[in-house]
Amino acid sequence: MLSDLEIARQAKLQEIRSIAARYGIQEDELIPYGRHIAKVDLKILDRIGKSRRGKYIGVTAINPTPLGEGKTVTTIGLGLGLNRIGKKAVSTIRQPSMGPVFGIKGGAAGGGRSQVVPMEAFNLHLTGDTHAVGVANNLLAAWIDTSILKGNSTRLVPASITWKRCLDINDRALRRIVVGLGGSENGIPRETGFNITSASEVMAVLGLARDLRDLRERLGRIVVGLDADGGPVTAEDLGAAGAMAAVLRDALHPNFLQTIEGTGCFVHSGPFANIAHGNSSIVADQVALHLCDYVVTESGFGADMGAEKLFNIKCRISGLRPDAMVVVASVRALKVHSGRYKVKPGVPLPEDMKREDLKALEQGVVNLRRHIENIKKHGLPSVVAVNRFPSDTDNEIEALLSLARSAGASDAVVSQVHAQGGEGGSALAAAVVKACEQPSRFEFLYRDEATIQQKIETIAKEIYRASRVAYLPEASKAIKRFEAMKLGHLPVCMAKTQYSFSDDPQKVGAPEGFEITVREVHLSAGAGFLYALLGDMMTMPGLGSKPALLNIDLNEHGEIEGLF
């Protein structure tokens, strides 16, 4: 059996200019990065911005297992399937962080016959956007410390500084550090830390900015700490926002790549869904929607994470409204959600889990049912894509399709895009086209005017089904401070484990009546949201004992091996 990397290398890549031309992108609107990758200049919106918008389809999933359930594979494959049935379609996805690439997850360009290529570039540096985010973030951090040392004209209180440095690698040793050691010329000693770059507010700003002017204004609104009077000190106050915008100017143009089958795919921005808002950029979606009949966009992790943030953060800011949602599910994941089986990353499936177990499937489908219910709360139809794995039996597949329809899905279809590419996604594509023709009445979960606490508790109780929300003292103080600063109108981004509706990854299935603990609440004024840290959620992951980096190397021809 060929690896994903081997399959990707067998693909005959086309000139990106020819693929762009088929989508109506003119050559002077392309910024080439070699023969197979390009950025699309946002000036294209001046030409196409008034054309009819295509249908907007979100792809989400049940709560995943550590093995992953194929959501990116499905997002790319649905785009392939739509093109296969004669629709002009494109997918929009995030660029992966190199933290997970070198950590547990490995590559994230899809898999099998449903991939974005060139795979190596996709998973590593691509066009340098993530590096630009890191530079902009760390430029601000460096100037914060230097400005305090060189006079502190903003009267920034060092103990109040919330801005951290970032790095696009999992590095647990950098979670908490002390800077400014080594004498007075090296700064004022203080405790701080690192975030992974995907958790940086700058990454969120890149993903949510609508144009260059909006990007510049959002960077200026970033709050880094408080002054001696308790007022906010911003990147604009410090004079750093302009330089940050200069670093990010080219990064705002969305990246355009191709799939194994020669269709287009936009790859832009990379916010995590369990920490940040977890969706690809607004500008990529805007360009795609004016070029295509159907745009398939992916939201990170389960529908309680990325899809909830798509609805209540990204759609609020962008004005875009989905026409339908796809929920990816698998037999093996729903067996895990029955509570009868446990899986671990890097460890083969338990042998007994590979055997037919309809009872476990029926018990685990409660997780899928709740995600469908939550999508309905936002007024949208959903189609369940059953991602089939070799260990699934025909009886299990038929049972899951029936259970999904009875749970309220508009339809449920087997997706075989991993093995068959667009052909294996044609049935799913047809079901999604039909779902998009249904009337929808998209609704936000909460009003802008609701208080911060009301927003947190609405998400916790309506989406997660918690019965109570507990606030640690620091969280309560922060909420009061942000309300006093007249920031209560901002949406809330919940940071929690992706493996459960609760803040405890061990609570699989569809738990109810549990308590959610809000540990901290932080402000991302530039991005335009507040984020609440639930449970033990951290913003800098760590490497495990056997990370994927141990398998990656160069062969004798200088080619990358072991990426996925």
Protein backbone atom coordinates (compact mmCIF):
# COMPACT_ATOMS: atom_id res chain seq x y z
CA MET A 1 0.00 0.00 0.00
CA LEU A 2 1.45 3.35 -1.06
CA SER A 3 1.92 6.12 1.48
CA ASP A 4 0.21 9.47 1.00
CA LEU A 5 3.53 11.02 0.06
CA GLU A 6 4.16 8.33 -2.58
CA ILE A 7 0.68 8.85 -4.05
CA ALA A 8 1.23 12.61 -4.11
CA ARG A 9 4.52 12.19 -5.96
CA GLN A 10 2.85 10.09 -8.65
CA ALA A 11 0.52 12.97 -9.51
CA LYS A 12 1.32 14.90 -12.68
CA LEU A 13 1.31 18.49 -11.49
CA GLN A 14 0.01 21.13 -13.87
CA GLU A 15 1.20 24.70 -14.24
CA ILE A 16 -0.71 26.66 -11.61
CA ARG A 17 -1.37 29.36 -14.20
CA SER A 18 -3.43 26.99 -16.34
CA ILE A 19 -5.50 25.82 -13.37
CA ALA A 20 -6.06 29.42 -12.29
CA ALA A 21 -7.19 30.35 -15.79
CA ARG A 22 -9.88 27.64 -15.70
CA TYR A 23 -11.29 29.31 -12.58
CA GLY A 24 -11.27 32.74 -14.20
CA ILE A 25 -8.19 34.08 -12.43
CA GLN A 26 -6.21 36.32 -14.76
CA GLU A 27 -2.44 36.02 -15.02
CA ASP A 28 -1.78 39.51 -13.66
CA GLU A 29 -3.78 38.53 -10.56
CA LEU A 30 -1.36 35.70 -9.77
CA ILE A 31 1.80 36.02 -7.69
CA PRO A 32 3.75 32.86 -8.65
CA TYR A 33 5.83 30.89 -6.17
CA GLY A 34 7.42 28.57 -8.70
CA ARG A 35 5.42 26.58 -11.25
CA HIS A 36 2.87 24.89 -8.98
CA ILE A 37 2.00 27.39 -6.24
CA ALA A 38 0.79 30.98 -6.41
CA LYS A 39 -0.84 33.65 -4.36
CA VAL A 40 -3.93 35.40 -5.70
CA ASP A 41 -3.66 39.18 -5.44
CA LEU A 42 -6.67 40.61 -3.60
CA LYS A 43 -7.06 43.18 -6.35
CA ILE A 44 -9.07 40.40 -8.04
CA LEU A 45 -12.00 41.40 -5.84
CA ASP A 46 -12.11 44.79 -7.60
CA ARG A 47 -12.93 42.87 -10.78
CA ILE A 48 -15.12 40.02 -9.53
CA GLY A 49 -16.41 41.36 -6.20
CA LYS A 50 -19.87 42.18 -7.56
CA SER A 51 -20.41 38.87 -9.34
CA ARG A 52 -22.87 36.32 -8.00
CA ARG A 53 -21.70 34.35 -4.99
CA GLY A 54 -21.64 30.59 -5.07
CA LYS A 55 -23.03 28.20 -2.48
CA TYR A 56 -21.09 28.08 0.79
CA ILE A 57 -20.62 24.64 2.34
CA GLY A 58 -18.95 24.00 5.68
CA VAL A 59 -17.29 20.70 6.56
CA THR A 60 -17.14 19.72 10.22
CA ALA A 61 -17.14 16.45 12.15
CA ILE A 62 -18.06 14.52 15.23
CA ASN A 63 -15.63 14.81 18.15
CA PRO A 64 -12.52 13.17 16.69
CA THR A 65 -10.45 10.39 18.14
CA PRO A 66 -6.65 10.84 18.39
CA LEU A 67 -6.41 8.96 15.08
CA GLY A 68 -8.35 11.57 13.09
CA GLU A 69 -11.50 10.85 11.09
CA GLY A 70 -10.65 12.27 7.65
CA LYS A 71 -12.21 15.73 7.71
CA THR A 72 -9.55 17.35 5.53
CA VAL A 73 -9.69 14.35 3.19
CA THR A 74 -13.46 14.87 2.94
CA THR A 75 -13.18 18.64 2.42
CA ILE A 76 -10.81 18.19 -0.50
CA GLY A 77 -12.68 15.13 -1.79
CA LEU A 78 -16.04 16.93 -1.76
CA GLY A 79 -14.50 19.62 -3.94
CA LEU A 80 -13.27 16.88 -6.28
CA GLY A 81 -16.69 15.24 -6.28
CA LEU A 82 -18.50 18.48 -7.09
CA ASN A 83 -16.21 19.08 -10.05
CA ARG A 84 -16.72 15.46 -11.10
CA ILE A 85 -20.51 15.95 -11.32
CA GLY A 86 -20.09 19.11 -13.42
CA LYS A 87 -20.05 21.85 -10.81
CA LYS A 88 -17.41 24.56 -10.67
CA ALA A 89 -16.08 24.09 -7.15
CA VAL A 90 -13.07 24.74 -4.98
CA SER A 91 -12.07 23.93 -1.40
CA THR A 92 -10.66 26.41 1.11
CA ILE A 93 -8.55 24.99 3.93
CA ARG A 94 -5.98 26.10 6.50
CA GLN A 95 -2.24 25.69 6.23
CA PRO A 96 -1.10 23.19 8.86
CA SER A 97 1.17 24.17 11.70
CA MET A 98 4.56 22.48 11.71
CA GLY A 99 3.97 21.74 15.39
CA PRO A 100 1.56 18.86 14.65
CA VAL A 101 3.41 17.99 11.43
CA PHE A 102 6.53 17.16 13.46
CA GLY A 103 4.51 16.05 16.49
CA ILE A 104 1.77 13.43 16.55
CA LYS A 105 -0.49 14.23 13.64
CA GLY A 106 1.96 14.28 10.74
CA GLY A 107 1.03 15.86 7.39
CA ALA A 108 -2.32 17.55 6.82
CA ALA A 109 -2.74 17.88 3.06
CA GLY A 110 -5.50 15.26 2.92
CA GLY A 111 -4.65 11.71 2.02
CA GLY A 112 -4.82 8.94 -0.57
CA ARG A 113 -6.47 10.13 -3.79
CA SER A 114 -7.82 13.23 -2.03
CA GLN A 115 -4.79 15.45 -1.52
CA VAL A 116 -3.44 18.92 -2.16
CA VAL A 117 -0.08 18.94 -3.91
CA PRO A 118 2.83 19.53 -3.75
CA MET A 119 2.45 17.84 -0.39
CA GLU A 120 5.90 18.71 0.98
CA ALA A 121 5.47 22.43 0.37
CA PHE A 122 1.93 22.39 1.74
CA ASN A 123 3.02 20.88 5.06
CA LEU A 124 6.24 22.84 5.53
CA HIS A 125 7.00 26.43 4.52
CA LEU A 126 4.55 26.93 1.61
CA THR A 127 4.79 30.67 0.81
CA GLY A 128 6.04 31.72 4.24
CA ASP A 129 2.77 33.06 5.69
CA THR A 130 3.23 31.31 9.03
CA HIS A 131 6.76 32.66 9.31
CA ALA A 132 5.45 36.17 8.60
CA VAL A 133 2.91 35.78 11.40
CA GLY A 134 5.68 34.71 13.75
CA VAL A 135 7.90 37.63 12.77
CA ALA A 136 5.08 40.17 13.20
CA ASN A 137 4.14 38.67 16.57
CA ASN A 138 7.74 38.62 17.84
CA LEU A 139 8.51 42.07 16.46
CA LEU A 140 5.81 43.44 18.73
CA ALA A 141 7.09 41.36 21.66
CA ALA A 142 10.65 42.61 21.17
CA TRP A 143 9.53 46.22 21.02
CA ILE A 144 7.37 45.86 24.15
CA ASP A 145 10.39 44.89 26.23
CA THR A 146 12.67 47.42 24.56
CA SER A 147 10.18 50.27 24.91
CA ILE A 148 9.96 49.66 28.67
CA LEU A 149 13.75 49.66 28.94
CA LYS A 150 14.13 52.82 26.83
CA GLY A 151 11.77 55.16 28.67
CA ASN A 152 8.34 53.46 28.66
CA SER A 153 6.48 56.37 27.07
CA THR A 154 3.19 54.43 27.21
CA ARG A 155 3.60 53.82 30.96
CA LEU A 156 3.02 50.12 30.33
CA VAL A 157 3.04 48.13 33.57
CA PRO A 158 5.39 45.14 33.07
CA ALA A 159 3.34 42.88 35.34
CA SER A 160 0.25 43.49 33.19
CA ILE A 161 1.80 42.41 29.86
CA THR A 162 -0.18 39.60 28.25
CA TRP A 163 1.58 39.51 24.87
CA LYS A 164 3.74 36.40 24.37
CA ARG A 165 6.29 35.39 21.79
CA CYS A 166 5.44 32.53 19.44
CA LEU A 167 7.06 29.63 17.59
CA ASP A 168 5.64 27.19 15.03
CA ILE A 169 6.99 24.13 16.84
CA ASN A 170 5.63 22.18 19.79
CA ASP A 171 8.00 23.12 22.63
CA ARG A 172 6.80 22.53 26.19
CA ALA A 173 10.00 24.08 27.64
CA LEU A 174 8.87 27.51 26.40
CA ARG A 175 5.44 27.55 28.01
CA ARG A 176 6.74 29.64 30.93
CA ILE A 177 10.04 31.49 30.77
CA VAL A 178 11.81 34.51 32.26
CA VAL A 179 13.20 37.16 29.90
CA GLY A 180 15.49 40.10 30.57
CA LEU A 181 18.19 38.24 32.46
CA GLY A 182 21.87 39.09 32.20
CA GLY A 183 22.03 42.71 33.24
CA SER A 184 20.32 46.05 32.65
CA GLU A 185 21.17 46.20 28.94
CA ASN A 186 19.15 43.02 28.33
CA GLY A 187 15.83 44.33 29.51
CA ILE A 188 13.74 44.18 32.67
CA PRO A 189 13.36 40.62 34.04
CA ARG A 190 9.79 39.36 33.92
CA GLU A 191 7.95 36.09 33.51
CA THR A 192 6.31 35.40 30.17
CA GLY A 193 6.04 32.49 27.72
CA PHE A 194 5.50 31.30 24.17
CA ASN A 195 2.38 30.36 22.23
CA ILE A 196 2.46 28.14 19.18
CA THR A 197 2.15 30.43 16.14
CA SER A 198 -1.29 29.09 15.25
CA ALA A 199 -2.51 30.37 18.62
CA SER A 200 -1.08 33.86 18.09
CA GLU A 201 -3.61 36.66 17.83
CA VAL A 202 -1.72 37.76 14.72
CA MET A 203 -2.73 34.49 13.03
CA ALA A 204 -6.35 35.14 13.97
CA VAL A 205 -6.07 38.67 12.59
CA LEU A 206 -4.69 37.31 9.30
CA GLY A 207 -7.59 34.89 9.02
CA LEU A 208 -10.31 37.42 9.88
CA ALA A 209 -9.07 40.54 8.06
CA ARG A 210 -11.17 41.53 5.06
CA ASP A 211 -8.52 43.61 3.25
CA LEU A 212 -5.22 45.40 3.87
CA ARG A 213 -6.83 48.37 5.56
CA ASP A 214 -8.78 46.09 7.89
CA LEU A 215 -5.58 44.11 8.59
CA ARG A 216 -3.73 47.31 9.54
CA GLU A 217 -6.55 48.51 11.80
CA ARG A 218 -6.87 45.16 13.55
CA LEU A 219 -3.15 45.01 14.24
CA GLY A 220 -3.36 48.46 15.76
CA ARG A 221 -6.16 47.37 18.11
CA ILE A 222 -4.11 44.53 19.66
CA VAL A 223 -3.95 45.09 23.43
CA VAL A 224 -0.64 44.04 25.00
CA GLY A 225 -1.19 45.14 28.61
CA LEU A 226 -2.33 47.99 30.86
CA ASP A 227 -0.87 51.39 31.66
CA ALA A 228 -0.38 52.86 35.14
CA ASP A 229 -4.01 54.08 35.17
CA GLY A 230 -5.42 50.67 34.22
CA GLY A 231 -6.14 51.61 30.62
CA PRO A 232 -5.27 49.37 27.62
CA VAL A 233 -1.96 49.78 25.79
CA THR A 234 -2.22 48.78 22.13
CA ALA A 235 0.19 47.97 19.34
CA GLU A 236 -0.86 51.32 17.85
CA ASP A 237 0.09 53.12 21.06
CA LEU A 238 3.51 51.48 20.89
CA GLY A 239 3.95 52.45 17.23
CA ALA A 240 4.50 48.85 16.12
CA ALA A 241 1.33 48.17 14.12
CA GLY A 242 2.61 49.71 10.89
CA ALA A 243 5.74 47.57 10.81
CA MET A 244 3.68 44.47 11.62
CA ALA A 245 1.35 45.26 8.71
CA ALA A 246 4.35 45.66 6.40
CA VAL A 247 5.58 42.19 7.37
CA LEU A 248 2.12 40.71 6.72
CA ARG A 249 1.26 42.59 3.52
CA ASP A 250 1.96 39.74 1.12
CA ALA A 251 0.76 37.10 3.59
CA LEU A 252 -2.79 38.45 3.28
CA HIS A 253 -3.03 37.29 -0.35
CA PRO A 254 -4.50 33.75 -0.28
CA ASN A 255 -2.46 30.81 -1.55
CA PHE A 256 -3.72 28.84 -4.55
CA LEU A 257 -2.66 25.22 -5.05
CA GLN A 258 -3.96 22.17 -6.88
CA THR A 259 -5.30 18.75 -6.00
CA ILE A 260 -4.13 15.42 -7.37
CA GLU A 261 -6.94 15.68 -9.95
CA GLY A 262 -5.93 19.17 -11.10
CA THR A 263 -8.72 21.15 -9.43
CA GLY A 264 -7.96 24.30 -7.43
CA CYS A 265 -7.68 24.68 -3.68
CA PHE A 266 -7.14 27.79 -1.57
CA VAL A 267 -4.85 27.28 1.45
CA HIS A 268 -4.69 30.26 3.77
CA SER A 269 -4.08 31.07 7.44
CA GLY A 270 -3.81 28.45 10.15
CA PRO A 271 -5.58 29.18 13.46
CA PHE A 272 -6.10 26.12 15.67
CA ALA A 273 -9.73 25.27 16.41
CA ASN A 274 -9.19 24.07 19.98
CA ILE A 275 -7.38 27.32 20.88
CA ALA A 276 -8.30 29.93 18.25
CA HIS A 277 -11.23 30.20 15.81
CA GLY A 278 -10.13 27.28 13.63
CA ASN A 279 -11.17 28.32 10.12
CA SER A 280 -9.44 29.33 6.90
CA SER A 281 -9.31 32.99 5.94
CA ILE A 282 -12.20 35.24 5.08
CA VAL A 283 -10.39 36.62 2.02
CA ALA A 284 -9.85 33.13 0.56
CA ASP A 285 -13.56 32.39 0.93
CA GLN A 286 -14.53 35.75 -0.58
CA VAL A 287 -12.40 35.21 -3.67
CA ALA A 288 -13.54 31.60 -4.04
CA LEU A 289 -17.24 32.43 -3.68
CA HIS A 290 -17.08 34.96 -6.51
CA LEU A 291 -15.23 32.51 -8.78
CA CYS A 292 -17.17 29.29 -8.18
CA ASP A 293 -20.63 27.77 -7.97
CA TYR A 294 -19.70 25.87 -4.78
CA VAL A 295 -17.07 26.57 -2.13
CA VAL A 296 -16.24 23.90 0.44
CA THR A 297 -14.59 25.27 3.58
CA GLU A 298 -13.26 23.26 6.51
CA SER A 299 -13.73 24.01 10.22
CA GLY A 300 -11.30 22.45 12.67
CA PHE A 301 -12.11 19.46 14.89
CA GLY A 302 -15.73 18.70 15.86
CA ALA A 303 -18.77 20.88 15.24
CA ASP A 304 -18.66 22.00 18.88
CA MET A 305 -15.33 23.66 18.08
CA GLY A 306 -14.63 24.84 14.52
CA ALA A 307 -18.21 24.94 13.26
CA GLU A 308 -19.50 26.83 16.30
CA LYS A 309 -16.72 29.38 15.70
CA LEU A 310 -17.46 29.48 11.97
CA PHE A 311 -21.05 30.40 12.77
CA ASN A 312 -20.57 32.80 15.67
CA ILE A 313 -17.19 34.40 14.94
CA LYS A 314 -16.21 34.09 11.28
CA CYS A 315 -19.72 34.58 9.88
CA ARG A 316 -20.32 37.52 12.23
CA ILE A 317 -17.20 39.29 10.98
CA SER A 318 -17.39 38.33 7.30
CA GLY A 319 -21.13 38.57 6.67
CA LEU A 320 -20.96 35.19 4.90
CA ARG A 321 -23.69 32.63 5.55
CA PRO A 322 -23.34 28.86 4.95
CA ASP A 323 -25.94 27.10 2.83
CA ALA A 324 -25.31 23.62 4.25
CA MET A 325 -22.96 21.68 6.51
CA VAL A 326 -21.26 18.32 6.11
CA VAL A 327 -20.56 16.30 9.25
CA VAL A 328 -17.81 13.71 8.88
CA ALA A 329 -18.27 10.54 10.93
CA SER A 330 -16.68 7.13 11.02
CA VAL A 331 -17.67 3.76 12.43
CA ARG A 332 -14.48 3.48 14.42
CA ALA A 333 -14.85 6.91 16.05
CA LEU A 334 -18.44 6.23 17.06
CA LYS A 335 -17.35 2.94 18.59
CA VAL A 336 -14.92 4.95 20.72
CA HIS A 337 -17.75 7.29 21.70
CA SER A 338 -19.65 4.28 23.05
CA GLY A 339 -17.06 4.20 25.83
CA ARG A 340 -16.22 0.55 25.09
CA TYR A 341 -12.94 1.16 23.31
CA LYS A 342 -9.90 3.37 23.73
CA VAL A 343 -7.43 4.35 21.02
CA LYS A 344 -4.06 6.05 21.23
CA PRO A 345 -2.12 7.94 18.56
CA GLY A 346 0.63 5.85 16.98
CA VAL A 347 -0.84 2.62 18.38
CA PRO A 348 -2.74 0.13 16.12
CA LEU A 349 -6.48 -0.25 16.66
CA PRO A 350 -7.41 -2.88 19.26
CA GLU A 351 -8.16 -6.15 17.48
CA ASP A 352 -11.62 -6.47 19.03
CA MET A 353 -12.49 -3.00 17.70
CA LYS A 354 -11.94 -4.26 14.15
CA ARG A 355 -14.75 -6.77 14.57
CA GLU A 356 -18.38 -5.93 13.85
CA ASP A 357 -20.04 -4.32 16.88
CA LEU A 358 -23.43 -2.83 16.05
CA LYS A 359 -24.28 -2.25 19.70
CA ALA A 360 -21.22 -0.07 20.27
CA LEU A 361 -22.04 1.83 17.08
CA GLU A 362 -25.61 2.47 18.26
CA GLN A 363 -24.37 3.66 21.64
CA GLY A 364 -21.76 5.95 20.13
CA VAL A 365 -24.03 7.60 17.58
CA VAL A 366 -25.31 9.90 20.36
CA ASN A 367 -22.25 12.04 19.64
CA LEU A 368 -23.21 12.44 15.98
CA ARG A 369 -26.83 13.16 16.90
CA ARG A 370 -25.84 16.03 19.16
CA HIS A 371 -23.69 17.66 16.47
CA ILE A 372 -26.58 17.46 14.01
CA GLU A 373 -28.87 19.04 16.62
CA ASN A 374 -26.39 21.86 17.18
CA ILE A 375 -26.16 22.62 13.47
CA LYS A 376 -29.96 22.74 13.34
CA LYS A 377 -29.88 25.33 16.13
CA HIS A 378 -28.09 27.57 13.66
CA GLY A 379 -30.80 26.95 11.05
CA LEU A 380 -28.79 24.85 8.61
CA PRO A 381 -29.28 21.45 6.94
CA SER A 382 -26.55 18.85 7.35
CA VAL A 383 -25.30 15.90 5.33
CA VAL A 384 -23.38 13.14 7.10
CA ALA A 385 -20.31 11.91 5.23
CA VAL A 386 -19.39 8.42 6.45
CA ASN A 387 -15.67 8.06 5.93
CA ARG A 388 -15.18 4.34 5.34
CA PHE A 389 -12.16 2.49 6.74
CA PRO A 390 -11.05 -1.07 5.77
CA SER A 391 -12.18 -2.56 9.10
CA ASP A 392 -15.78 -1.35 8.66
CA THR A 393 -18.32 -4.04 7.76
CA ASP A 394 -21.22 -3.57 5.35
CA ASN A 395 -23.69 -4.04 8.22
CA GLU A 396 -21.98 -1.31 10.26
CA ILE A 397 -22.00 1.09 7.33
CA GLU A 398 -25.69 0.51 6.58
CA ALA A 399 -26.55 0.88 10.26
CA LEU A 400 -24.66 4.17 10.52
CA LEU A 401 -26.33 5.59 7.42
CA SER A 402 -29.74 4.75 8.84
CA LEU A 403 -28.89 6.10 12.29
CA ALA A 404 -27.59 9.36 10.82
CA ARG A 405 -30.77 9.98 8.85
CA SER A 406 -32.94 9.20 11.85
CA ALA A 407 -30.81 11.65 13.89
CA GLY A 408 -31.99 14.50 11.66
CA ALA A 409 -29.46 14.68 8.83
CA SER A 410 -30.81 15.65 5.42
CA ASP A 411 -28.95 12.67 4.05
CA ALA A 412 -26.08 10.33 4.88
CA VAL A 413 -23.64 9.08 2.24
CA VAL A 414 -20.55 6.90 2.21
CA SER A 415 -17.46 8.87 1.24
CA GLN A 416 -14.68 6.96 -0.49
CA VAL A 417 -12.58 9.89 -1.63
CA HIS A 418 -9.44 8.56 0.03
CA ALA A 419 -9.41 5.50 -2.23
CA GLN A 420 -11.22 6.85 -5.30
CA GLY A 421 -10.79 10.63 -5.35
CA GLY A 422 -13.55 12.60 -7.08
CA GLU A 423 -15.36 9.46 -8.23
CA GLY A 424 -15.61 8.33 -4.62
CA GLY A 425 -17.04 11.74 -3.66
CA SER A 426 -19.68 12.02 -6.39
CA ALA A 427 -22.54 10.65 -4.29
CA LEU A 428 -21.64 12.96 -1.42
CA ALA A 429 -21.45 15.89 -3.83
CA ALA A 430 -24.93 15.14 -5.20
CA ALA A 431 -26.35 14.97 -1.66
CA VAL A 432 -24.73 18.29 -0.76
CA VAL A 433 -26.08 20.00 -3.90
CA LYS A 434 -29.55 18.81 -2.91
CA ALA A 435 -29.08 20.04 0.67
CA CYS A 436 -28.03 23.48 -0.62
CA GLU A 437 -31.36 23.75 -2.42
CA GLN A 438 -33.25 23.40 0.86
CA PRO A 439 -34.43 26.60 2.55
CA SER A 440 -32.15 27.67 5.40
CA ARG A 441 -32.53 30.35 8.06
CA PHE A 442 -29.07 30.87 9.46
CA GLU A 443 -29.02 32.17 13.04
CA PHE A 444 -26.32 33.13 15.50
CA LEU A 445 -26.34 31.35 18.83
CA TYR A 446 -26.27 34.55 20.87
CA ARG A 447 -26.80 38.29 20.45
CA ASP A 448 -23.96 40.84 20.38
CA GLU A 449 -25.67 42.62 23.27
CA ALA A 450 -25.45 39.60 25.59
CA THR A 451 -22.91 39.86 28.40
CA ILE A 452 -19.61 37.97 28.27
CA GLN A 453 -20.82 35.54 30.91
CA GLN A 454 -24.11 35.00 29.07
CA LYS A 455 -22.22 34.17 25.86
CA ILE A 456 -19.92 31.71 27.63
CA GLU A 457 -22.84 30.01 29.36
CA THR A 458 -24.96 29.90 26.19
CA ILE A 459 -22.20 28.00 24.37
CA ALA A 460 -21.53 25.76 27.39
CA LYS A 461 -25.17 24.88 27.95
CA GLU A 462 -26.61 24.96 24.43
CA ILE A 463 -23.72 23.41 22.48
CA TYR A 464 -21.83 21.35 25.09
CA ARG A 465 -24.89 20.59 27.34
CA ALA A 466 -23.13 21.54 30.55
CA SER A 467 -25.41 22.19 33.50
CA ARG A 468 -23.12 24.64 35.27
CA VAL A 469 -20.18 26.91 34.49
CA ALA A 470 -17.60 27.55 37.22
CA TYR A 471 -15.24 30.52 36.98
CA LEU A 472 -11.85 30.61 38.65
CA PRO A 473 -11.09 33.97 40.33
CA GLU A 474 -8.79 35.18 37.54
CA ALA A 475 -11.48 34.50 34.95
CA SER A 476 -14.13 36.38 36.93
CA LYS A 477 -11.81 39.37 37.36
CA ALA A 478 -11.03 39.43 33.64
CA ILE A 479 -14.71 39.32 32.69
CA LYS A 480 -15.46 42.30 34.96
CA ARG A 481 -12.48 44.18 33.53
CA PHE A 482 -13.52 43.58 29.92
CA GLU A 483 -17.12 44.55 30.60
CA ALA A 484 -15.85 47.78 32.22
CA MET A 485 -13.76 48.40 29.08
CA LYS A 486 -17.00 48.17 27.01
CA LEU A 487 -15.84 45.00 25.25
CA GLY A 488 -18.79 42.82 26.15
CA HIS A 489 -20.16 43.07 22.61
CA LEU A 490 -17.36 40.87 21.24
CA PRO A 491 -18.03 37.20 20.42
CA VAL A 492 -16.42 34.53 22.58
CA CYS A 493 -13.93 31.94 21.34
CA MET A 494 -13.88 28.87 23.61
CA ALA A 495 -10.56 27.04 23.98
CA LYS A 496 -11.06 23.46 25.12
CA THR A 497 -10.24 19.86 24.32
CA GLN A 498 -11.45 18.66 20.93
CA TYR A 499 -12.11 15.11 22.10
CA SER A 500 -15.23 15.77 24.16
CA PHE A 501 -18.20 18.10 24.45
CA SER A 502 -16.93 18.73 27.98
CA ASP A 503 -13.57 20.09 29.13
CA ASP A 504 -12.50 16.54 30.05
CA PRO A 505 -11.17 14.52 27.06
CA GLN A 506 -12.15 11.26 28.80
CA LYS A 507 -15.88 12.10 28.66
CA VAL A 508 -16.71 10.66 25.25
CA GLY A 509 -20.13 10.22 23.67
CA ALA A 510 -22.67 12.91 24.56
CA PRO A 511 -22.24 13.74 28.25
CA GLU A 512 -24.78 15.91 30.03
CA GLY A 513 -25.10 17.62 33.38
CA PHE A 514 -21.39 18.23 33.84
CA GLU A 515 -19.56 21.33 35.03
CA ILE A 516 -17.37 23.41 32.75
CA THR A 517 -14.49 25.29 34.38
CA VAL A 518 -13.39 28.61 32.90
CA ARG A 519 -9.79 29.02 34.00
CA GLU A 520 -8.90 32.26 32.22
CA VAL A 521 -10.50 34.79 29.87
CA HIS A 522 -8.28 36.81 27.53
CA LEU A 523 -8.80 39.62 25.06
CA SER A 524 -7.96 39.41 21.35
CA ALA A 525 -9.07 42.93 20.48
CA GLY A 526 -7.36 42.89 17.09
CA ALA A 527 -8.96 39.63 16.05
CA GLY A 528 -12.23 40.88 17.48
CA PHE A 529 -13.08 38.27 20.10
CA LEU A 530 -12.54 37.24 23.70
CA TYR A 531 -11.25 33.75 24.38
CA ALA A 532 -11.95 31.58 27.38
CA LEU A 533 -9.55 28.82 28.41
CA LEU A 534 -11.49 25.79 29.69
CA GLY A 535 -10.05 22.99 31.81
CA ASP A 536 -6.40 22.21 31.18
CA MET A 537 -6.17 23.77 27.72
CA MET A 538 -2.70 25.13 26.85
CA THR A 539 -1.58 27.44 24.05
CA MET A 540 1.81 25.77 23.51
CA PRO A 541 1.68 22.00 22.83
CA GLY A 542 4.56 19.65 23.64
CA LEU A 543 6.22 16.84 21.72
CA GLY A 544 5.54 13.26 22.73
CA SER A 545 8.08 10.50 23.32
CA LYS A 546 7.87 9.32 19.68
CA PRO A 547 7.01 12.36 17.55
CA ALA A 548 6.63 12.25 13.79
CA LEU A 549 9.88 14.18 13.37
CA LEU A 550 11.79 10.94 14.10
CA ASN A 551 10.44 9.48 10.84
CA ILE A 552 11.26 12.43 8.58
CA ASP A 553 14.50 12.56 6.61
CA LEU A 554 16.05 13.17 3.20
CA ASN A 555 16.80 10.24 0.92
CA GLU A 556 19.87 9.92 -1.31
CA HIS A 557 18.14 12.02 -3.98
CA GLY A 558 17.46 14.88 -1.56
CA GLU A 559 13.74 14.09 -1.42
CA ILE A 560 11.76 14.31 1.81
CA GLU A 561 10.68 10.96 3.24
CA GLY A 562 8.40 9.98 6.11
CA LEU A 563 6.29 13.15 6.08
CA PHE A 564 3.08 11.10 6.07
